[in-house]
Structures are given as structure tokens and as C-alpha cells.
Amino acid sequence: MYQDERFDVPCIGPDTIEVAAEAGVQGIVIEAGKTLLLGKEEIEQKAADLGVTVFAYSSGV
């Protein structure tokens, strides 16, 4: 299924990190330059506090 990024932009925020940690997720991969970070500093702090790694990759396209 195709995601129309004009209307449905991928994003993560502090709540994403918290829910991931509660579910036992240890890492989240996002696409660099195409994912909105809602509160970057808070995401970084919450990820560090809860032991969740956030990794940004680039498809090179």
C-alpha cells in the first residue's frame, strides 16, 4: 500500500518513545529528511531515559 506523504507525513514524538518502551521495543528506525520529529530534544531525552534507540537512515534516493 502506498502512503501519500502529501497528506500523511510520518512522524514521531515523545509519546511514540514512551509507548515503544512500554511495549518492549528497543529501537525505532525513521527515514532521515522525511519524518517529522515532534519535540526533538524531548524525544532524545525520553529515548535516553527509557533505553530506546532512534536511528535515522537515508535511502540515498
C-alpha atoms as a PDB file:
ATOM      1  CA  MET A   1       0.000   0.000   0.000  1.00  0.00           C
ATOM      2  CA  TYR A   2       1.265   3.457  -0.904  1.00  0.00           C
ATOM      3  CA  GLN A   3       1.414   6.231   1.684  1.00  0.00           C
ATOM      4  CA  ASP A   4       0.622   9.632   0.186  1.00  0.00           C
ATOM      5  CA  GLU A   5       3.122  11.805   2.050  1.00  0.00           C
ATOM      6  CA  ARG A   6       1.381  14.989   0.922  1.00  0.00           C
ATOM      7  CA  PHE A   7      -1.340  14.230   3.441  1.00  0.00           C
ATOM      8  CA  ASP A   8       0.058  11.503   5.706  1.00  0.00           C
ATOM      9  CA  VAL A   9       3.524  12.562   6.858  1.00  0.00           C
ATOM     10  CA  PRO A  10       5.388  10.057   9.058  1.00  0.00           C
ATOM     11  CA  CYS A  11       6.181  11.499  12.477  1.00  0.00           C
ATOM     12  CA  ILE A  12       7.330  10.518  15.956  1.00  0.00           C
ATOM     13  CA  GLY A  13       7.186  12.305  19.264  1.00  0.00           C
ATOM     14  CA  PRO A  14       7.844  11.698  22.946  1.00  0.00           C
ATOM     15  CA  ASP A  15       4.674   9.616  23.233  1.00  0.00           C
ATOM     16  CA  THR A  16       5.969   7.336  20.472  1.00  0.00           C
ATOM     17  CA  ILE A  17       9.089   6.662  22.521  1.00  0.00           C
ATOM     18  CA  GLU A  18       7.089   6.037  25.698  1.00  0.00           C
ATOM     19  CA  VAL A  19       4.670   3.611  24.008  1.00  0.00           C
ATOM     20  CA  ALA A  20       7.560   1.821  22.306  1.00  0.00           C
ATOM     21  CA  ALA A  21       9.368   1.372  25.629  1.00  0.00           C
ATOM     22  CA  GLU A  22       6.194   0.084  27.322  1.00  0.00           C
ATOM     23  CA  ALA A  23       5.855  -2.475  24.503  1.00  0.00           C
ATOM     24  CA  GLY A  24       9.459  -3.620  24.942  1.00  0.00           C
ATOM     25  CA  VAL A  25      10.713  -2.023  21.723  1.00  0.00           C
ATOM     26  CA  GLN A  26      14.405  -1.184  21.968  1.00  0.00           C
ATOM     27  CA  GLY A  27      14.859   0.619  18.655  1.00  0.00           C
ATOM     28  CA  ILE A  28      12.947   2.778  16.190  1.00  0.00           C
ATOM     29  CA  VAL A  29      14.141   3.408  12.630  1.00  0.00           C
ATOM     30  CA  ILE A  30      12.987   6.545  10.820  1.00  0.00           C
ATOM     31  CA  GLU A  31      13.714   7.881   7.347  1.00  0.00           C
ATOM     32  CA  ALA A  32      16.021  10.901   7.520  1.00  0.00           C
ATOM     33  CA  GLY A  33      14.619  14.040   5.955  1.00  0.00           C
ATOM     34  CA  LYS A  34      11.125  12.578   5.599  1.00  0.00           C
ATOM     35  CA  THR A  35       9.994  12.048   9.192  1.00  0.00           C
ATOM     36  CA  LEU A  36       8.734  14.855  11.416  1.00  0.00           C
ATOM     37  CA  LEU A  37      10.161  14.919  14.922  1.00  0.00           C
ATOM     38  CA  LEU A  38       7.655  16.446  17.329  1.00  0.00           C
ATOM     39  CA  GLY A  39       9.881  17.808  20.087  1.00  0.00           C
ATOM     40  CA  LYS A  40      13.347  16.640  19.079  1.00  0.00           C
ATOM     41  CA  GLU A  41      15.038  17.426  22.400  1.00  0.00           C
ATOM     42  CA  GLU A  42      12.281  15.721  24.382  1.00  0.00           C
ATOM     43  CA  ILE A  43      12.463  12.689  22.056  1.00  0.00           C
ATOM     44  CA  GLU A  44      16.218  12.467  22.624  1.00  0.00           C
ATOM     45  CA  GLN A  45      15.873  12.749  26.411  1.00  0.00           C
ATOM     46  CA  LYS A  46      12.992  10.286  26.689  1.00  0.00           C
ATOM     47  CA  ALA A  47      14.779   7.791  24.419  1.00  0.00           C
ATOM     48  CA  ALA A  48      17.918   8.022  26.557  1.00  0.00           C
ATOM     49  CA  ASP A  49      15.946   7.686  29.797  1.00  0.00           C
ATOM     50  CA  LEU A  50      13.929   4.694  28.567  1.00  0.00           C
ATOM     51  CA  GLY A  51      16.679   2.901  26.624  1.00  0.00           C
ATOM     52  CA  VAL A  52      15.110   3.242  23.183  1.00  0.00           C
ATOM     53  CA  THR A  53      17.456   3.849  20.267  1.00  0.00           C
ATOM     54  CA  VAL A  54      16.219   6.093  17.449  1.00  0.00           C
ATOM     55  CA  PHE A  55      18.119   5.558  14.204  1.00  0.00           C
ATOM     56  CA  ALA A  56      17.648   7.679  11.073  1.00  0.00           C
ATOM     57  CA  TYR A  57      18.541   6.158   7.714  1.00  0.00           C
ATOM     58  CA  SER A  58      18.712   7.614   4.237  1.00  0.00           C
ATOM     59  CA  SER A  59      17.608   5.603   1.245  1.00  0.00           C
ATOM     60  CA  GLY A  60      20.005   7.614  -0.915  1.00  0.00           C
ATOM     61  CA  VAL A  61      17.272   8.436  -3.416  1.00  0.00           C
END
